[in-house]
């Protein structure tokens, strides 16, 4: 049960910091993070200055299965 609690803590902090309307579009992506990714996000969000920092972090930490690459 630690993973949902960690995810909820991250979401609660992000809502407090940036407002619910700026965080809501990213809730599903955050909810799909692994426990290790959630812990890394918890640490990284302390340095976030804007919602763009959250988006950049999520893009940089997408799982390989979520990214589609086309082989030549």
Foldseek 3Di string as FASTA:
>chain_A
DVLVVLLVVLLVVCCVQANPVLCVVCSVLSSPDDSVLSVVSVVVVVPDDYSVSVVVSSVVPPDPVVDDDDDD
